[in-house]
Amino acid sequence: MYQDDIVLCASSAYDKKYFLSADFEGLPQRIKDELKIMCVLFTEDIGGVFTLSFTEDGSLQMNTSADEGDLLYDEIGSVLKIKQLRREKRDLFEALEMYYRVYFLGEVPEDVDGD
């Protein structure tokens, strides 16, 4: 269906903007709010651009980047912050991966019985 990674959401410290892909407007408002807070806080703390996207197989990726010469971007902090988010938001990320696999890839969850 898709050839490249599909962006779920992104935040930029440069233009102070947050983006949620229209493909994911069907997510519950609570989840959309949590994603927005998480992304905006990441870029406020670390700087640069923070992106959450899905790979071809439905895995959630977290990426961060900065403009060349951005002296305020915390590259080491970005790695540590991503590790922290993976640990603290594990349930959210697993639920988002399941959502993507079911609604975008058409997979049937293993724990769903046909009864």
PDB file of N, CA and C in Angstrom:
ATOM      1  N   MET A   1       0.831  -1.182   0.000  1.00  0.00           N
ATOM      2  CA  MET A   1       0.000   0.000   0.000  1.00  0.00           C
ATOM      3  C   MET A   1       0.881   1.253   0.000  1.00  0.00           C
ATOM      4  N   TYR A   2       1.818   1.344   0.980  1.00  0.00           N
ATOM      5  CA  TYR A   2       2.730   2.478   1.057  1.00  0.00           C
ATOM      6  C   TYR A   2       4.137   1.990   0.740  1.00  0.00           C
ATOM      7  N   GLN A   3       4.963   2.851   0.137  1.00  0.00           N
ATOM      8  CA  GLN A   3       6.313   2.461  -0.220  1.00  0.00           C
ATOM      9  C   GLN A   3       7.349   2.978   0.768  1.00  0.00           C
ATOM     10  N   ASP A   4       7.152   4.147   1.306  1.00  0.00           N
ATOM     11  CA  ASP A   4       8.093   4.737   2.254  1.00  0.00           C
ATOM     12  C   ASP A   4       7.487   4.713   3.649  1.00  0.00           C
ATOM     13  N   ASP A   5       8.301   5.122   4.625  1.00  0.00           N
ATOM     14  CA  ASP A   5       7.779   5.250   5.978  1.00  0.00           C
ATOM     15  C   ASP A   5       6.627   6.246   5.985  1.00  0.00           C
ATOM     16  N   ILE A   6       5.620   5.954   6.800  1.00  0.00           N
ATOM     17  CA  ILE A   6       4.447   6.815   6.917  1.00  0.00           C
ATOM     18  C   ILE A   6       4.579   7.641   8.191  1.00  0.00           C
ATOM     19  N   VAL A   7       4.573   8.943   8.048  1.00  0.00           N
ATOM     20  CA  VAL A   7       4.714   9.840   9.199  1.00  0.00           C
ATOM     21  C   VAL A   7       3.407   9.860   9.981  1.00  0.00           C
ATOM     22  N   LEU A   8       3.521   9.593  11.274  1.00  0.00           N
ATOM     23  CA  LEU A   8       2.389   9.706  12.188  1.00  0.00           C
ATOM     24  C   LEU A   8       2.265  11.158  12.640  1.00  0.00           C
ATOM     25  N   CYS A   9       3.362  11.693  13.181  1.00  0.00           N
ATOM     26  CA  CYS A   9       3.346  13.068  13.657  1.00  0.00           C
ATOM     27  C   CYS A   9       4.778  13.589  13.725  1.00  0.00           C
ATOM     28  N   ALA A  10       4.897  14.904  13.827  1.00  0.00           N
ATOM     29  CA  ALA A  10       6.207  15.538  13.900  1.00  0.00           C
ATOM     30  C   ALA A  10       6.086  16.885  14.598  1.00  0.00           C
ATOM     31  N   SER A  11       7.204  17.304  15.155  1.00  0.00           N
ATOM     32  CA  SER A  11       7.268  18.607  15.809  1.00  0.00           C
ATOM     33  C   SER A  11       8.603  19.253  15.456  1.00  0.00           C
ATOM     34  N   SER A  12       8.583  20.566  15.301  1.00  0.00           N
ATOM     35  CA  SER A  12       9.795  21.296  14.941  1.00  0.00           C
ATOM     36  C   SER A  12      10.052  22.425  15.931  1.00  0.00           C
ATOM     37  N   ALA A  13      11.275  22.461  16.442  1.00  0.00           N
ATOM     38  CA  ALA A  13      11.665  23.559  17.323  1.00  0.00           C
ATOM     39  C   ALA A  13      11.937  24.823  16.518  1.00  0.00           C
ATOM     40  N   TYR A  14      12.187  24.669  15.232  1.00  0.00           N
ATOM     41  CA  TYR A  14      12.545  25.817  14.400  1.00  0.00           C
ATOM     42  C   TYR A  14      11.358  26.725  14.098  1.00  0.00           C
ATOM     43  N   ASP A  15      10.243  26.121  13.697  1.00  0.00           N
ATOM     44  CA  ASP A  15       9.083  26.958  13.388  1.00  0.00           C
ATOM     45  C   ASP A  15       7.965  26.799  14.415  1.00  0.00           C
ATOM     46  N   LYS A  16       8.272  26.103  15.513  1.00  0.00           N
ATOM     47  CA  LYS A  16       7.320  25.942  16.627  1.00  0.00           C
ATOM     48  C   LYS A  16       5.987  25.382  16.148  1.00  0.00           C
ATOM     49  N   LYS A  17       6.046  24.331  15.331  1.00  0.00           N
ATOM     50  CA  LYS A  17       4.832  23.728  14.797  1.00  0.00           C
ATOM     51  C   LYS A  17       4.791  22.249  15.089  1.00  0.00           C
ATOM     52  N   TYR A  18       3.562  21.739  15.172  1.00  0.00           N
ATOM     53  CA  TYR A  18       3.290  20.310  15.365  1.00  0.00           C
ATOM     54  C   TYR A  18       2.426  19.853  14.199  1.00  0.00           C
ATOM     55  N   PHE A  19       2.693  18.656  13.706  1.00  0.00           N
ATOM     56  CA  PHE A  19       1.955  18.098  12.584  1.00  0.00           C
ATOM     57  C   PHE A  19       1.467  16.697  12.939  1.00  0.00           C
ATOM     58  N   LEU A  20       0.174  16.432  12.704  1.00  0.00           N
ATOM     59  CA  LEU A  20      -0.396  15.095  12.820  1.00  0.00           C
ATOM     60  C   LEU A  20      -0.948  14.750  11.443  1.00  0.00           C
ATOM     61  N   SER A  21      -0.501  13.644  10.891  1.00  0.00           N
ATOM     62  CA  SER A  21      -0.950  13.233   9.564  1.00  0.00           C
ATOM     63  C   SER A  21      -2.461  13.044   9.536  1.00  0.00           C
ATOM     64  N   ALA A  22      -3.080  13.489   8.461  1.00  0.00           N
ATOM     65  CA  ALA A  22      -4.529  13.339   8.289  1.00  0.00           C
ATOM     66  C   ALA A  22      -4.935  11.867   8.284  1.00  0.00           C
ATOM     67  N   ASP A  23      -4.015  10.982   7.941  1.00  0.00           N
ATOM     68  CA  ASP A  23      -4.301   9.543   7.949  1.00  0.00           C
ATOM     69  C   ASP A  23      -4.641   9.031   9.349  1.00  0.00           C
ATOM     70  N   PHE A  24      -4.246   9.782  10.371  1.00  0.00           N
ATOM     71  CA  PHE A  24      -4.427   9.328  11.751  1.00  0.00           C
ATOM     72  C   PHE A  24      -5.426  10.176  12.537  1.00  0.00           C
ATOM     73  N   GLU A  25      -6.252  10.908  11.843  1.00  0.00           N
ATOM     74  CA  GLU A  25      -7.280  11.710  12.509  1.00  0.00           C
ATOM     75  C   GLU A  25      -8.289  10.830  13.248  1.00  0.00           C
ATOM     76  N   GLY A  26      -8.377   9.556  12.884  1.00  0.00           N
ATOM     77  CA  GLY A  26      -9.312   8.630  13.524  1.00  0.00           C
ATOM     78  C   GLY A  26      -8.867   8.153  14.894  1.00  0.00           C
ATOM     79  N   LEU A  27      -7.663   8.485  15.298  1.00  0.00           N
ATOM     80  CA  LEU A  27      -7.195   8.109  16.633  1.00  0.00           C
ATOM     81  C   LEU A  27      -8.031   8.807  17.692  1.00  0.00           C
ATOM     82  N   PRO A  28      -8.196   8.184  18.848  1.00  0.00           N
ATOM     83  CA  PRO A  28      -8.917   8.861  19.934  1.00  0.00           C
ATOM     84  C   PRO A  28      -8.235  10.176  20.315  1.00  0.00           C
ATOM     85  N   GLN A  29      -9.021  11.165  20.707  1.00  0.00           N
ATOM     86  CA  GLN A  29      -8.493  12.479  21.045  1.00  0.00           C
ATOM     87  C   GLN A  29      -7.434  12.409  22.140  1.00  0.00           C
ATOM     88  N   ARG A  30      -7.625  11.543  23.106  1.00  0.00           N
ATOM     89  CA  ARG A  30      -6.660  11.392  24.208  1.00  0.00           C
ATOM     90  C   ARG A  30      -5.285  10.986  23.670  1.00  0.00           C
ATOM     91  N   ILE A  31      -5.264  10.090  22.691  1.00  0.00           N
ATOM     92  CA  ILE A  31      -4.010   9.635  22.088  1.00  0.00           C
ATOM     93  C   ILE A  31      -3.379  10.772  21.284  1.00  0.00           C
ATOM     94  N   LYS A  32      -4.190  11.476  20.510  1.00  0.00           N
ATOM     95  CA  LYS A  32      -3.672  12.604  19.727  1.00  0.00           C
ATOM     96  C   LYS A  32      -3.085  13.669  20.645  1.00  0.00           C
ATOM     97  N   ASP A  33      -3.739  13.937  21.759  1.00  0.00           N
ATOM     98  CA  ASP A  33      -3.231  14.918  22.723  1.00  0.00           C
ATOM     99  C   ASP A  33      -1.903  14.459  23.323  1.00  0.00           C
ATOM    100  N   GLU A  34      -1.824  13.176  23.676  1.00  0.00           N
ATOM    101  CA  GLU A  34      -0.600  12.640  24.266  1.00  0.00           C
ATOM    102  C   GLU A  34       0.570  12.710  23.274  1.00  0.00           C
ATOM    103  N   LEU A  35       0.298  12.408  22.013  1.00  0.00           N
ATOM    104  CA  LEU A  35       1.336  12.500  20.988  1.00  0.00           C
ATOM    105  C   LEU A  35       1.824  13.933  20.822  1.00  0.00           C
ATOM    106  N   LYS A  36       0.890  14.860  20.810  1.00  0.00           N
ATOM    107  CA  LYS A  36       1.254  16.275  20.643  1.00  0.00           C
ATOM    108  C   LYS A  36       2.120  16.749  21.806  1.00  0.00           C
ATOM    109  N   ILE A  37       1.708  16.448  23.011  1.00  0.00           N
ATOM    110  CA  ILE A  37       2.482  16.859  24.190  1.00  0.00           C
ATOM    111  C   ILE A  37       3.875  16.251  24.152  1.00  0.00           C
ATOM    112  N   MET A  38       3.955  14.959  23.849  1.00  0.00           N
ATOM    113  CA  MET A  38       5.235  14.262  23.818  1.00  0.00           C
ATOM    114  C   MET A  38       6.176  14.878  22.769  1.00  0.00           C
ATOM    115  N   CYS A  39       5.676  15.107  21.576  1.00  0.00           N
ATOM    116  CA  CYS A  39       6.508  15.646  20.496  1.00  0.00           C
ATOM    117  C   CYS A  39       6.964  17.066  20.778  1.00  0.00           C
ATOM    118  N   VAL A  40       6.045  17.905  21.229  1.00  0.00           N
ATOM    119  CA  VAL A  40       6.385  19.301  21.489  1.00  0.00           C
ATOM    120  C   VAL A  40       7.381  19.405  22.642  1.00  0.00           C
ATOM    121  N   LEU A  41       7.184  18.629  23.701  1.00  0.00           N
ATOM    122  CA  LEU A  41       8.136  18.649  24.807  1.00  0.00           C
ATOM    123  C   LEU A  41       9.509  18.156  24.371  1.00  0.00           C
ATOM    124  N   PHE A  42       9.538  17.161  23.492  1.00  0.00           N
ATOM    125  CA  PHE A  42      10.811  16.657  22.992  1.00  0.00           C
ATOM    126  C   PHE A  42      11.588  17.781  22.303  1.00  0.00           C
ATOM    127  N   THR A  43      10.932  18.481  21.385  1.00  0.00           N
ATOM    128  CA  THR A  43      11.642  19.532  20.652  1.00  0.00           C
ATOM    129  C   THR A  43      11.950  20.751  21.528  1.00  0.00           C
ATOM    130  N   GLU A  44      11.153  20.987  22.548  1.00  0.00           N
ATOM    131  CA  GLU A  44      11.470  22.077  23.480  1.00  0.00           C
ATOM    132  C   GLU A  44      12.712  21.737  24.300  1.00  0.00           C
ATOM    133  N   ASP A  45      12.849  20.467  24.701  1.00  0.00           N
ATOM    134  CA  ASP A  45      13.994  20.034  25.504  1.00  0.00           C
ATOM    135  C   ASP A  45      15.257  19.856  24.664  1.00  0.00           C
ATOM    136  N   ILE A  46      15.122  19.234  23.498  1.00  0.00           N
ATOM    137  CA  ILE A  46      16.266  18.794  22.703  1.00  0.00           C
ATOM    138  C   ILE A  46      16.572  19.740  21.550  1.00  0.00           C
ATOM    139  N   GLY A  47      15.521  20.294  20.948  1.00  0.00           N
ATOM    140  CA  GLY A  47      15.683  21.120  19.761  1.00  0.00           C
ATOM    141  C   GLY A  47      15.478  20.291  18.509  1.00  0.00           C
ATOM    142  N   GLY A  48      15.693  20.889  17.371  1.00  0.00           N
ATOM    143  CA  GLY A  48      15.593  20.179  16.105  1.00  0.00           C
ATOM    144  C   GLY A  48      14.178  19.800  15.721  1.00  0.00           C
ATOM    145  N   VAL A  49      14.087  18.691  14.990  1.00  0.00           N
ATOM    146  CA  VAL A  49      12.821  18.160  14.505  1.00  0.00           C
ATOM    147  C   VAL A  49      12.690  16.732  15.023  1.00  0.00           C
ATOM    148  N   PHE A  50      11.522  16.402  15.539  1.00  0.00           N
ATOM    149  CA  PHE A  50      11.240  15.061  16.056  1.00  0.00           C
ATOM    150  C   PHE A  50      10.090  14.472  15.260  1.00  0.00           C
ATOM    151  N   THR A  51      10.267  13.243  14.770  1.00  0.00           N
ATOM    152  CA  THR A  51       9.273  12.605  13.924  1.00  0.00           C
ATOM    153  C   THR A  51       8.977  11.193  14.402  1.00  0.00           C
ATOM    154  N   LEU A  52       7.700  10.851  14.454  1.00  0.00           N
ATOM    155  CA  LEU A  52       7.269   9.475  14.683  1.00  0.00           C
ATOM    156  C   LEU A  52       6.694   8.969  13.371  1.00  0.00           C
ATOM    157  N   SER A  53       7.167   7.811  12.919  1.00  0.00           N
ATOM    158  CA  SER A  53       6.684   7.258  11.661  1.00  0.00           C
ATOM    159  C   SER A  53       6.623   5.742  11.751  1.00  0.00           C
ATOM    160  N   PHE A  54       5.891   5.157  10.818  1.00  0.00           N
ATOM    161  CA  PHE A  54       5.761   3.709  10.739  1.00  0.00           C
ATOM    162  C   PHE A  54       6.567   3.193   9.562  1.00  0.00           C
ATOM    163  N   THR A  55       7.272   2.092   9.787  1.00  0.00           N
ATOM    164  CA  THR A  55       8.005   1.448   8.710  1.00  0.00           C
ATOM    165  C   THR A  55       7.039   0.593   7.907  1.00  0.00           C
ATOM    166  N   GLU A  56       7.522   0.018   6.862  1.00  0.00           N
ATOM    167  CA  GLU A  56       6.727  -0.823   5.979  1.00  0.00           C
ATOM    168  C   GLU A  56       6.054  -1.985   6.716  1.00  0.00           C
ATOM    169  N   ASP A  57       6.734  -2.533   7.742  1.00  0.00           N
ATOM    170  CA  ASP A  57       6.180  -3.669   8.482  1.00  0.00           C
ATOM    171  C   ASP A  57       5.327  -3.253   9.680  1.00  0.00           C
ATOM    172  N   GLY A  58       5.170  -1.934   9.909  1.00  0.00           N
ATOM    173  CA  GLY A  58       4.312  -1.460  10.981  1.00  0.00           C
ATOM    174  C   GLY A  58       5.020  -1.122  12.270  1.00  0.00           C
ATOM    175  N   SER A  59       6.339  -1.120  12.265  1.00  0.00           N
ATOM    176  CA  SER A  59       7.093  -0.748  13.461  1.00  0.00           C
ATOM    177  C   SER A  59       7.150   0.770  13.579  1.00  0.00           C
ATOM    178  N   LEU A  60       7.022   1.253  14.796  1.00  0.00           N
ATOM    179  CA  LEU A  60       7.060   2.694  15.050  1.00  0.00           C
ATOM    180  C   LEU A  60       8.505   3.138  15.210  1.00  0.00           C
ATOM    181  N   GLN A  61       8.883   4.164  14.460  1.00  0.00           N
ATOM    182  CA  GLN A  61      10.225   4.717  14.496  1.00  0.00           C
ATOM    183  C   GLN A  61      10.181   6.104  15.102  1.00  0.00           C
ATOM    184  N   MET A  62      11.198   6.437  15.882  1.00  0.00           N
ATOM    185  CA  MET A  62      11.366   7.790  16.385  1.00  0.00           C
ATOM    186  C   MET A  62      12.658   8.338  15.805  1.00  0.00           C
ATOM    187  N   ASN A  63      12.565   9.469  15.135  1.00  0.00           N
ATOM    188  CA  ASN A  63      13.741  10.073  14.519  1.00  0.00           C
ATOM    189  C   ASN A  63      13.839  11.534  14.924  1.00  0.00           C
ATOM    190  N   THR A  64      15.063  11.989  15.034  1.00  0.00           N
ATOM    191  CA  THR A  64      15.308  13.378  15.338  1.00  0.00           C
ATOM    192  C   THR A  64      16.431  13.879  14.432  1.00  0.00           C
ATOM    193  N   SER A  65      16.334  15.127  14.073  1.00  0.00           N
ATOM    194  CA  SER A  65      17.354  15.719  13.216  1.00  0.00           C
ATOM    195  C   SER A  65      17.467  17.197  13.548  1.00  0.00           C
ATOM    196  N   ALA A  66      18.557  17.783  13.053  1.00  0.00           N
ATOM    197  CA  ALA A  66      18.777  19.209  13.300  1.00  0.00           C
ATOM    198  C   ALA A  66      19.395  19.844  12.066  1.00  0.00           C
ATOM    199  N   ASP A  67      19.168  21.131  11.929  1.00  0.00           N
ATOM    200  CA  ASP A  67      19.805  21.879  10.854  1.00  0.00           C
ATOM    201  C   ASP A  67      21.307  21.898  11.097  1.00  0.00           C
ATOM    202  N   GLU A  68      22.047  21.880  10.009  1.00  0.00           N
ATOM    203  CA  GLU A  68      23.496  21.957  10.123  1.00  0.00           C
ATOM    204  C   GLU A  68      23.881  23.270  10.803  1.00  0.00           C
ATOM    205  N   GLY A  69      24.751  23.178  11.756  1.00  0.00           N
ATOM    206  CA  GLY A  69      25.192  24.375  12.460  1.00  0.00           C
ATOM    207  C   GLY A  69      24.313  24.781  13.631  1.00  0.00           C
ATOM    208  N   ASP A  70      23.296  23.978  13.948  1.00  0.00           N
ATOM    209  CA  ASP A  70      22.424  24.288  15.088  1.00  0.00           C
ATOM    210  C   ASP A  70      23.169  23.949  16.373  1.00  0.00           C
ATOM    211  N   LEU A  71      23.721  24.944  17.017  1.00  0.00           N
ATOM    212  CA  LEU A  71      24.517  24.735  18.220  1.00  0.00           C
ATOM    213  C   LEU A  71      23.665  24.430  19.451  1.00  0.00           C
ATOM    214  N   LEU A  72      22.379  24.701  19.383  1.00  0.00           N
ATOM    215  CA  LEU A  72      21.505  24.468  20.530  1.00  0.00           C
ATOM    216  C   LEU A  72      20.934  23.043  20.560  1.00  0.00           C
ATOM    217  N   TYR A  73      21.055  22.313  19.457  1.00  0.00           N
ATOM    218  CA  TYR A  73      20.537  20.945  19.375  1.00  0.00           C
ATOM    219  C   TYR A  73      21.368  20.027  20.265  1.00  0.00           C
ATOM    220  N   ASP A  74      20.697  19.240  21.094  1.00  0.00           N
ATOM    221  CA  ASP A  74      21.354  18.338  22.038  1.00  0.00           C
ATOM    222  C   ASP A  74      21.355  16.916  21.475  1.00  0.00           C
ATOM    223  N   GLU A  75      22.402  16.579  20.723  1.00  0.00           N
ATOM    224  CA  GLU A  75      22.462  15.271  20.061  1.00  0.00           C
ATOM    225  C   GLU A  75      22.520  14.119  21.059  1.00  0.00           C
ATOM    226  N   ILE A  76      23.320  14.243  22.088  1.00  0.00           N
ATOM    227  CA  ILE A  76      23.418  13.193  23.106  1.00  0.00           C
ATOM    228  C   ILE A  76      22.098  13.088  23.869  1.00  0.00           C
ATOM    229  N   GLY A  77      21.526  14.232  24.209  1.00  0.00           N
ATOM    230  CA  GLY A  77      20.244  14.248  24.906  1.00  0.00           C
ATOM    231  C   GLY A  77      19.138  13.610  24.076  1.00  0.00           C
ATOM    232  N   SER A  78      19.227  13.740  22.752  1.00  0.00           N
ATOM    233  CA  SER A  78      18.186  13.154  21.894  1.00  0.00           C
ATOM    234  C   SER A  78      18.168  11.636  22.008  1.00  0.00           C
ATOM    235  N   VAL A  79      19.342  11.032  22.046  1.00  0.00           N
ATOM    236  CA  VAL A  79      19.428   9.573  22.176  1.00  0.00           C
ATOM    237  C   VAL A  79      18.866   9.136  23.527  1.00  0.00           C
ATOM    238  N   LEU A  80      19.248   9.845  24.573  1.00  0.00           N
ATOM    239  CA  LEU A  80      18.765   9.508  25.914  1.00  0.00           C
ATOM    240  C   LEU A  80      17.255   9.717  26.029  1.00  0.00           C
ATOM    241  N   LYS A  81      16.753  10.785  25.444  1.00  0.00           N
ATOM    242  CA  LYS A  81      15.313  11.087  25.507  1.00  0.00           C
ATOM    243  C   LYS A  81      14.511  10.027  24.749  1.00  0.00           C
ATOM    244  N   ILE A  82      15.002   9.573  23.609  1.00  0.00           N
ATOM    245  CA  ILE A  82      14.308   8.523  22.855  1.00  0.00           C
ATOM    246  C   ILE A  82      14.271   7.226  23.664  1.00  0.00           C
ATOM    247  N   LYS A  83      15.374   6.887  24.313  1.00  0.00           N
ATOM    248  CA  LYS A  83      15.399   5.693  25.169  1.00  0.00           C
ATOM    249  C   LYS A  83      14.378   5.828  26.297  1.00  0.00           C
ATOM    250  N   GLN A  84      14.311   7.007  26.895  1.00  0.00           N
ATOM    251  CA  GLN A  84      13.352   7.255  27.974  1.00  0.00           C
ATOM    252  C   GLN A  84      11.918   7.109  27.458  1.00  0.00           C
ATOM    253  N   LEU A  85      11.626   7.683  26.296  1.00  0.00           N
ATOM    254  CA  LEU A  85      10.283   7.585  25.728  1.00  0.00           C
ATOM    255  C   LEU A  85       9.918   6.139  25.412  1.00  0.00           C
ATOM    256  N   ARG A  86      10.854   5.387  24.859  1.00  0.00           N
ATOM    257  CA  ARG A  86      10.590   3.970  24.560  1.00  0.00           C
ATOM    258  C   ARG A  86      10.203   3.208  25.826  1.00  0.00           C
ATOM    259  N   ARG A  87      10.853   3.543  26.913  1.00  0.00           N
ATOM    260  CA  ARG A  87      10.584   2.868  28.185  1.00  0.00           C
ATOM    261  C   ARG A  87       9.255   3.343  28.788  1.00  0.00           C
ATOM    262  N   GLU A  88       9.054   4.650  28.858  1.00  0.00           N
ATOM    263  CA  GLU A  88       7.888   5.203  29.536  1.00  0.00           C
ATOM    264  C   GLU A  88       6.604   5.110  28.715  1.00  0.00           C
ATOM    265  N   LYS A  89       6.708   5.124  27.416  1.00  0.00           N
ATOM    266  CA  LYS A  89       5.527   5.127  26.538  1.00  0.00           C
ATOM    267  C   LYS A  89       5.367   3.810  25.789  1.00  0.00           C
ATOM    268  N   ARG A  90       5.944   2.752  26.315  1.00  0.00           N
ATOM    269  CA  ARG A  90       5.919   1.449  25.643  1.00  0.00           C
ATOM    270  C   ARG A  90       4.499   0.997  25.315  1.00  0.00           C
ATOM    271  N   ASP A  91       3.584   1.116  26.259  1.00  0.00           N
ATOM    272  CA  ASP A  91       2.199   0.689  26.019  1.00  0.00           C
ATOM    273  C   ASP A  91       1.546   1.506  24.902  1.00  0.00           C
ATOM    274  N   LEU A  92       1.769   2.807  24.903  1.00  0.00           N
ATOM    275  CA  LEU A  92       1.234   3.671  23.850  1.00  0.00           C
ATOM    276  C   LEU A  92       1.791   3.265  22.493  1.00  0.00           C
ATOM    277  N   PHE A  93       3.094   3.054  22.422  1.00  0.00           N
ATOM    278  CA  PHE A  93       3.724   2.712  21.150  1.00  0.00           C
ATOM    279  C   PHE A  93       3.253   1.348  20.643  1.00  0.00           C
ATOM    280  N   GLU A  94       3.097   0.389  21.541  1.00  0.00           N
ATOM    281  CA  GLU A  94       2.595  -0.927  21.130  1.00  0.00           C
ATOM    282  C   GLU A  94       1.166  -0.824  20.609  1.00  0.00           C
ATOM    283  N   ALA A  95       0.348  -0.005  21.259  1.00  0.00           N
ATOM    284  CA  ALA A  95      -1.034   0.178  20.815  1.00  0.00           C
ATOM    285  C   ALA A  95      -1.074   0.871  19.445  1.00  0.00           C
ATOM    286  N   LEU A  96      -0.202   1.846  19.236  1.00  0.00           N
ATOM    287  CA  LEU A  96      -0.143   2.530  17.942  1.00  0.00           C
ATOM    288  C   LEU A  96       0.311   1.577  16.831  1.00  0.00           C
ATOM    289  N   GLU A  97       1.271   0.729  17.135  1.00  0.00           N
ATOM    290  CA  GLU A  97       1.710  -0.264  16.151  1.00  0.00           C
ATOM    291  C   GLU A  97       0.578  -1.227  15.805  1.00  0.00           C
ATOM    292  N   MET A  98      -0.177  -1.648  16.801  1.00  0.00           N
ATOM    293  CA  MET A  98      -1.313  -2.539  16.556  1.00  0.00           C
ATOM    294  C   MET A  98      -2.364  -1.827  15.697  1.00  0.00           C
ATOM    295  N   TYR A  99      -2.658  -0.592  16.027  1.00  0.00           N
ATOM    296  CA  TYR A  99      -3.608   0.222  15.260  1.00  0.00           C
ATOM    297  C   TYR A  99      -3.180   0.288  13.797  1.00  0.00           C
ATOM    298  N   TYR A 100      -1.910   0.583  13.581  1.00  0.00           N
ATOM    299  CA  TYR A 100      -1.397   0.699  12.218  1.00  0.00           C
ATOM    300  C   TYR A 100      -1.504  -0.634  11.480  1.00  0.00           C
ATOM    301  N   ARG A 101      -1.125  -1.702  12.136  1.00  0.00           N
ATOM    302  CA  ARG A 101      -1.146  -3.018  11.480  1.00  0.00           C
ATOM    303  C   ARG A 101      -2.568  -3.447  11.124  1.00  0.00           C
ATOM    304  N   VAL A 102      -3.516  -3.131  11.979  1.00  0.00           N
ATOM    305  CA  VAL A 102      -4.904  -3.522  11.731  1.00  0.00           C
ATOM    306  C   VAL A 102      -5.548  -2.618  10.680  1.00  0.00           C
ATOM    307  N   TYR A 103      -5.464  -1.299  10.873  1.00  0.00           N
ATOM    308  CA  TYR A 103      -6.190  -0.375  10.007  1.00  0.00           C
ATOM    309  C   TYR A 103      -5.481  -0.036   8.697  1.00  0.00           C
ATOM    310  N   PHE A 104      -4.164  -0.151   8.661  1.00  0.00           N
ATOM    311  CA  PHE A 104      -3.443   0.213   7.450  1.00  0.00           C
ATOM    312  C   PHE A 104      -2.914  -0.997   6.691  1.00  0.00           C
ATOM    313  N   LEU A 105      -2.485  -2.026   7.433  1.00  0.00           N
ATOM    314  CA  LEU A 105      -1.932  -3.206   6.779  1.00  0.00           C
ATOM    315  C   LEU A 105      -2.942  -4.340   6.669  1.00  0.00           C
ATOM    316  N   GLY A 106      -4.079  -4.206   7.355  1.00  0.00           N
ATOM    317  CA  GLY A 106      -5.134  -5.205   7.265  1.00  0.00           C
ATOM    318  C   GLY A 106      -4.852  -6.494   8.014  1.00  0.00           C
ATOM    319  N   GLU A 107      -3.934  -6.468   8.952  1.00  0.00           N
ATOM    320  CA  GLU A 107      -3.616  -7.660   9.731  1.00  0.00           C
ATOM    321  C   GLU A 107      -4.699  -7.922  10.773  1.00  0.00           C
ATOM    322  N   VAL A 108      -4.866  -9.189  11.121  1.00  0.00           N
ATOM    323  CA  VAL A 108      -5.788  -9.589  12.175  1.00  0.00           C
ATOM    324  C   VAL A 108      -4.950  -9.918  13.406  1.00  0.00           C
ATOM    325  N   PRO A 109      -5.233  -9.275  14.543  1.00  0.00           N
ATOM    326  CA  PRO A 109      -4.468  -9.560  15.755  1.00  0.00           C
ATOM    327  C   PRO A 109      -4.532 -11.045  16.111  1.00  0.00           C
ATOM    328  N   GLU A 110      -3.421 -11.587  16.599  1.00  0.00           N
ATOM    329  CA  GLU A 110      -3.330 -13.002  16.931  1.00  0.00           C
ATOM    330  C   GLU A 110      -4.275 -13.417  18.054  1.00  0.00           C
ATOM    331  N   ASP A 111      -4.546 -12.503  18.992  1.00  0.00           N
ATOM    332  CA  ASP A 111      -5.357 -12.860  20.147  1.00  0.00           C
ATOM    333  C   ASP A 111      -6.855 -12.735  19.883  1.00  0.00           C
ATOM    334  N   VAL A 112      -7.247 -12.453  18.636  1.00  0.00           N
ATOM    335  CA  VAL A 112      -8.668 -12.341  18.281  1.00  0.00           C
ATOM    336  C   VAL A 112      -9.125 -13.694  17.737  1.00  0.00           C
ATOM    337  N   ASP A 113     -10.111 -14.271  18.395  1.00  0.00           N
ATOM    338  CA  ASP A 113     -10.664 -15.558  17.947  1.00  0.00           C
ATOM    339  C   ASP A 113     -11.788 -15.327  16.958  1.00  0.00           C
ATOM    340  N   GLY A 114     -11.965 -16.252  16.065  1.00  0.00           N
ATOM    341  CA  GLY A 114     -13.037 -16.149  15.097  1.00  0.00           C
ATOM    342  C   GLY A 114     -14.361 -16.627  15.629  1.00  0.00           C
ATOM    343  N   ASP A 115     -14.466 -16.905  16.942  1.00  0.00           N
ATOM    344  CA  ASP A 115     -15.700 -17.432  17.539  1.00  0.00           C
ATOM    345  C   ASP A 115     -16.735 -16.364  17.714  1.00  0.00           C
TER     346      ASP A 115
END
